[in-house]
Amino acid sequence: MGIDLGRPGGVVVLDDGRPGKPVCICAAGVPAKITELEYQKLLHGLMKQFRPDIIADERPGHWGRIFIGMSQSRDDALATAAAQALQIPLRRFEPRRVKMLVAANGRASKQDVGQAVSALVRMPAGEHSEHVTDAAAIALVALKGSSRGQRGRR
């Protein structure tokens, strides 16, 4: 499971149990206007329903705007609580590492990451927000078992 922190954000669950590309079995956007309790219930519900082997998110950062870092840190704490409640390991990846592993460029644009995800993951038909695409990239990195670029809890 990959989580693009923040609001709006995204959550994606991948299944690699079949030959070929991993398959997206759940793609959910996180609305901008959602309470902390609703956010934690959403994450906990998806974790409980799909029981992923691993959960991953990006290391929170402020990216030049402090309110973004505060929002991401809050959402990371809620994701951590949900993962711990279900005893599912949580990994954090540096955003540049995710971009490097998925799009072969640590400074890849959202569009480049989206194109790489489309080539590497079977996503459901339809439009996906950049947040859902980012969550898919994070899930893909976790799925591939990269140990480089991880931060925080193991």
C-alpha atoms as a PDB file:
ATOM      1  CA  MET A   1       0.000   0.000   0.000  1.00  0.00           C
ATOM      2  CA  GLY A   2       1.315   3.424  -0.922  1.00  0.00           C
ATOM      3  CA  ILE A   3       0.111   6.649   0.669  1.00  0.00           C
ATOM      4  CA  ASP A   4       0.619  10.106  -0.791  1.00  0.00           C
ATOM      5  CA  LEU A   5       0.407  12.198   2.352  1.00  0.00           C
ATOM      6  CA  GLY A   6      -1.545  15.404   2.531  1.00  0.00           C
ATOM      7  CA  ARG A   7      -4.913  16.663   1.549  1.00  0.00           C
ATOM      8  CA  PRO A   8      -5.690  16.163  -1.163  1.00  0.00           C
ATOM      9  CA  GLY A   9      -3.737  12.920  -1.200  1.00  0.00           C
ATOM     10  CA  GLY A  10      -4.008   9.384  -2.450  1.00  0.00           C
ATOM     11  CA  VAL A  11      -3.908   5.747  -1.402  1.00  0.00           C
ATOM     12  CA  VAL A  12      -3.116   2.820  -3.690  1.00  0.00           C
ATOM     13  CA  VAL A  13      -2.972  -0.910  -3.005  1.00  0.00           C
ATOM     14  CA  LEU A  14      -0.953  -3.021  -5.430  1.00  0.00           C
ATOM     15  CA  ASP A  15      -1.023  -6.791  -5.943  1.00  0.00           C
ATOM     16  CA  ASP A  16       2.038  -8.454  -7.440  1.00  0.00           C
ATOM     17  CA  GLY A  17       0.784 -12.018  -7.064  1.00  0.00           C
ATOM     18  CA  ARG A  18       0.349 -12.460 -10.804  1.00  0.00           C
ATOM     19  CA  PRO A  19       2.953 -12.601 -13.561  1.00  0.00           C
ATOM     20  CA  GLY A  20       3.655  -9.331 -15.327  1.00  0.00           C
ATOM     21  CA  LYS A  21       3.040  -5.856 -14.010  1.00  0.00           C
ATOM     22  CA  PRO A  22       1.685  -5.287 -10.506  1.00  0.00           C
ATOM     23  CA  VAL A  23      -2.061  -4.660 -10.542  1.00  0.00           C
ATOM     24  CA  CYS A  24      -3.729  -1.778  -8.751  1.00  0.00           C
ATOM     25  CA  ILE A  25      -6.575  -3.319  -6.743  1.00  0.00           C
ATOM     26  CA  CYS A  26      -7.540  -0.099  -4.977  1.00  0.00           C
ATOM     27  CA  ALA A  27      -7.000   3.545  -5.885  1.00  0.00           C
ATOM     28  CA  ALA A  28      -8.557   6.172  -3.659  1.00  0.00           C
ATOM     29  CA  GLY A  29      -8.176   9.903  -3.663  1.00  0.00           C
ATOM     30  CA  VAL A  30      -8.167  11.662  -0.295  1.00  0.00           C
ATOM     31  CA  PRO A  31     -10.317  14.784  -0.432  1.00  0.00           C
ATOM     32  CA  ALA A  32      -8.935  18.127   0.656  1.00  0.00           C
ATOM     33  CA  LYS A  33     -11.724  18.612   3.177  1.00  0.00           C
ATOM     34  CA  ILE A  34     -11.607  15.577   5.455  1.00  0.00           C
ATOM     35  CA  THR A  35     -11.237  15.527   9.230  1.00  0.00           C
ATOM     36  CA  GLU A  36      -8.415  13.728  11.012  1.00  0.00           C
ATOM     37  CA  LEU A  37     -10.876  11.128  12.292  1.00  0.00           C
ATOM     38  CA  GLU A  38     -12.300  10.526   8.804  1.00  0.00           C
ATOM     39  CA  TYR A  39      -8.761  10.271   7.388  1.00  0.00           C
ATOM     40  CA  GLN A  40      -7.684   7.735   9.998  1.00  0.00           C
ATOM     41  CA  LYS A  41     -10.889   5.715   9.488  1.00  0.00           C
ATOM     42  CA  LEU A  42     -10.288   5.716   5.723  1.00  0.00           C
ATOM     43  CA  LEU A  43      -6.712   4.469   6.090  1.00  0.00           C
ATOM     44  CA  HIS A  44      -7.563   1.947   8.799  1.00  0.00           C
ATOM     45  CA  GLY A  45     -10.498   0.625   6.760  1.00  0.00           C
ATOM     46  CA  LEU A  46      -8.394   0.151   3.618  1.00  0.00           C
ATOM     47  CA  MET A  47      -5.576  -1.464   5.600  1.00  0.00           C
ATOM     48  CA  LYS A  48      -8.019  -3.817   7.307  1.00  0.00           C
ATOM     49  CA  GLN A  49      -9.823  -4.677   4.075  1.00  0.00           C
ATOM     50  CA  PHE A  50      -6.741  -5.342   1.927  1.00  0.00           C
ATOM     51  CA  ARG A  51      -4.211  -6.416   4.602  1.00  0.00           C
ATOM     52  CA  PRO A  52      -1.127  -5.267   2.668  1.00  0.00           C
ATOM     53  CA  ASP A  53       2.228  -6.847   3.508  1.00  0.00           C
ATOM     54  CA  ILE A  54       3.770  -3.398   3.786  1.00  0.00           C
ATOM     55  CA  ILE A  55       2.637   0.216   3.878  1.00  0.00           C
ATOM     56  CA  ALA A  56       4.794   3.016   2.538  1.00  0.00           C
ATOM     57  CA  ASP A  57       4.672   6.780   2.406  1.00  0.00           C
ATOM     58  CA  GLU A  58       7.028   9.605   1.578  1.00  0.00           C
ATOM     59  CA  ARG A  59       9.039  11.257   4.285  1.00  0.00           C
ATOM     60  CA  PRO A  60       7.110  14.372   5.259  1.00  0.00           C
ATOM     61  CA  GLY A  61       8.756  17.625   4.241  1.00  0.00           C
ATOM     62  CA  HIS A  62       7.816  21.229   3.816  1.00  0.00           C
ATOM     63  CA  TRP A  63       9.021  21.642   0.208  1.00  0.00           C
ATOM     64  CA  GLY A  64       9.319  25.391   0.707  1.00  0.00           C
ATOM     65  CA  ARG A  65       5.943  25.780   2.429  1.00  0.00           C
ATOM     66  CA  ILE A  66       5.815  25.051   6.153  1.00  0.00           C
ATOM     67  CA  PHE A  67       2.059  24.341   6.182  1.00  0.00           C
ATOM     68  CA  ILE A  68       2.646  21.427   3.781  1.00  0.00           C
ATOM     69  CA  GLY A  69       5.158  19.870   6.179  1.00  0.00           C
ATOM     70  CA  MET A  70       2.787  20.276   9.096  1.00  0.00           C
ATOM     71  CA  SER A  71      -0.088  18.684   7.162  1.00  0.00           C
ATOM     72  CA  GLN A  72       2.056  15.793   5.948  1.00  0.00           C
ATOM     73  CA  SER A  73       3.489  15.162   9.422  1.00  0.00           C
ATOM     74  CA  ARG A  74      -0.027  15.043  10.878  1.00  0.00           C
ATOM     75  CA  ASP A  75      -1.208  12.634   8.181  1.00  0.00           C
ATOM     76  CA  ASP A  76       1.923  10.504   8.608  1.00  0.00           C
ATOM     77  CA  ALA A  77       1.150  10.191  12.329  1.00  0.00           C
ATOM     78  CA  LEU A  78      -2.400   9.059  11.508  1.00  0.00           C
ATOM     79  CA  ALA A  79      -1.110   6.508   8.967  1.00  0.00           C
ATOM     80  CA  THR A  80       1.437   5.281  11.505  1.00  0.00           C
ATOM     81  CA  ALA A  81      -1.262   4.797  14.148  1.00  0.00           C
ATOM     82  CA  ALA A  82      -3.468   2.833  11.741  1.00  0.00           C
ATOM     83  CA  ALA A  83      -0.546   0.635  10.600  1.00  0.00           C
ATOM     84  CA  GLN A  84       0.565  -0.034  14.166  1.00  0.00           C
ATOM     85  CA  ALA A  85      -2.975  -0.935  15.232  1.00  0.00           C
ATOM     86  CA  LEU A  86      -3.024  -3.642  12.551  1.00  0.00           C
ATOM     87  CA  GLN A  87       0.655  -4.568  13.025  1.00  0.00           C
ATOM     88  CA  ILE A  88       1.582  -3.840   9.414  1.00  0.00           C
ATOM     89  CA  PRO A  89       5.145  -2.573   8.797  1.00  0.00           C
ATOM     90  CA  LEU A  90       5.446   1.019   7.617  1.00  0.00           C
ATOM     91  CA  ARG A  91       8.334   2.305   5.503  1.00  0.00           C
ATOM     92  CA  ARG A  92       9.196   5.839   4.517  1.00  0.00           C
ATOM     93  CA  PHE A  93      10.962   6.799   1.348  1.00  0.00           C
ATOM     94  CA  GLU A  94      12.630  10.029   0.330  1.00  0.00           C
ATOM     95  CA  PRO A  95      10.621  11.641  -2.495  1.00  0.00           C
ATOM     96  CA  ARG A  96      13.701  11.889  -4.697  1.00  0.00           C
ATOM     97  CA  ARG A  97      14.398   8.189  -4.174  1.00  0.00           C
ATOM     98  CA  VAL A  98      10.847   7.293  -5.254  1.00  0.00           C
ATOM     99  CA  LYS A  99      11.230   9.434  -8.376  1.00  0.00           C
ATOM    100  CA  MET A 100      14.648   7.913  -9.121  1.00  0.00           C
ATOM    101  CA  LEU A 101      13.438   4.328  -8.777  1.00  0.00           C
ATOM    102  CA  VAL A 102      10.205   4.829 -10.718  1.00  0.00           C
ATOM    103  CA  ALA A 103      11.081   7.449 -13.338  1.00  0.00           C
ATOM    104  CA  ALA A 104      14.907   7.134 -13.384  1.00  0.00           C
ATOM    105  CA  ASN A 105      15.243  10.798 -12.410  1.00  0.00           C
ATOM    106  CA  GLY A 106      15.266  12.095  -8.828  1.00  0.00           C
ATOM    107  CA  ARG A 107      13.866  15.416 -10.022  1.00  0.00           C
ATOM    108  CA  ALA A 108      11.171  13.962 -12.271  1.00  0.00           C
ATOM    109  CA  SER A 109       8.022  16.006 -12.778  1.00  0.00           C
ATOM    110  CA  LYS A 110       4.565  14.799 -11.721  1.00  0.00           C
ATOM    111  CA  GLN A 111       3.887  14.097 -15.402  1.00  0.00           C
ATOM    112  CA  ASP A 112       7.066  11.979 -15.734  1.00  0.00           C
ATOM    113  CA  VAL A 113       6.163   9.980 -12.616  1.00  0.00           C
ATOM    114  CA  GLY A 114       2.643   9.480 -13.975  1.00  0.00           C
ATOM    115  CA  GLN A 115       3.947   8.170 -17.303  1.00  0.00           C
ATOM    116  CA  ALA A 116       6.368   5.814 -15.549  1.00  0.00           C
ATOM    117  CA  VAL A 117       3.625   4.490 -13.264  1.00  0.00           C
ATOM    118  CA  SER A 118       1.394   3.880 -16.309  1.00  0.00           C
ATOM    119  CA  ALA A 119       4.171   1.798 -17.869  1.00  0.00           C
ATOM    120  CA  LEU A 120       4.938  -0.160 -14.679  1.00  0.00           C
ATOM    121  CA  VAL A 121       1.539  -0.733 -13.052  1.00  0.00           C
ATOM    122  CA  ARG A 122      -1.811  -1.906 -14.397  1.00  0.00           C
ATOM    123  CA  MET A 123      -4.073   0.873 -13.136  1.00  0.00           C
ATOM    124  CA  PRO A 124      -7.875   0.863 -13.470  1.00  0.00           C
ATOM    125  CA  ALA A 125      -9.232   2.715 -16.478  1.00  0.00           C
ATOM    126  CA  GLY A 126     -10.002   6.386 -16.092  1.00  0.00           C
ATOM    127  CA  GLU A 127      -8.317   9.516 -14.914  1.00  0.00           C
ATOM    128  CA  HIS A 128      -6.213   9.429 -11.768  1.00  0.00           C
ATOM    129  CA  SER A 129      -5.105  12.465  -9.816  1.00  0.00           C
ATOM    130  CA  GLU A 130      -1.403  13.148  -9.433  1.00  0.00           C
ATOM    131  CA  HIS A 131      -1.824  12.159  -5.774  1.00  0.00           C
ATOM    132  CA  VAL A 132      -3.114   8.700  -6.673  1.00  0.00           C
ATOM    133  CA  THR A 133      -0.271   8.345  -9.186  1.00  0.00           C
ATOM    134  CA  ASP A 134       2.246   9.382  -6.521  1.00  0.00           C
ATOM    135  CA  ALA A 135       0.748   6.830  -4.116  1.00  0.00           C
ATOM    136  CA  ALA A 136       1.137   4.159  -6.813  1.00  0.00           C
ATOM    137  CA  ALA A 137       4.799   5.114  -7.274  1.00  0.00           C
ATOM    138  CA  ILE A 138       5.395   4.863  -3.516  1.00  0.00           C
ATOM    139  CA  ALA A 139       3.620   1.483  -3.381  1.00  0.00           C
ATOM    140  CA  LEU A 140       5.695   0.252  -6.317  1.00  0.00           C
ATOM    141  CA  VAL A 141       8.950   1.180  -4.587  1.00  0.00           C
ATOM    142  CA  ALA A 142       7.827  -0.609  -1.420  1.00  0.00           C
ATOM    143  CA  LEU A 143       6.680  -3.602  -3.447  1.00  0.00           C
ATOM    144  CA  LYS A 144      10.033  -3.906  -5.171  1.00  0.00           C
ATOM    145  CA  GLY A 145      11.664  -4.071  -1.727  1.00  0.00           C
ATOM    146  CA  SER A 146      14.104  -1.227  -2.083  1.00  0.00           C
ATOM    147  CA  SER A 147      16.057  -0.859   1.133  1.00  0.00           C
ATOM    148  CA  ARG A 148      17.828   2.298  -0.012  1.00  0.00           C
ATOM    149  CA  GLY A 149      16.203   5.597   0.750  1.00  0.00           C
ATOM    150  CA  GLN A 150      14.118   4.285   3.643  1.00  0.00           C
ATOM    151  CA  ARG A 151      13.784   6.444   6.684  1.00  0.00           C
ATOM    152  CA  GLY A 152      12.201   5.992  10.045  1.00  0.00           C
ATOM    153  CA  ARG A 153      10.397   2.965  11.404  1.00  0.00           C
ATOM    154  CA  ARG A 154      11.067  -0.592  10.346  1.00  0.00           C
END
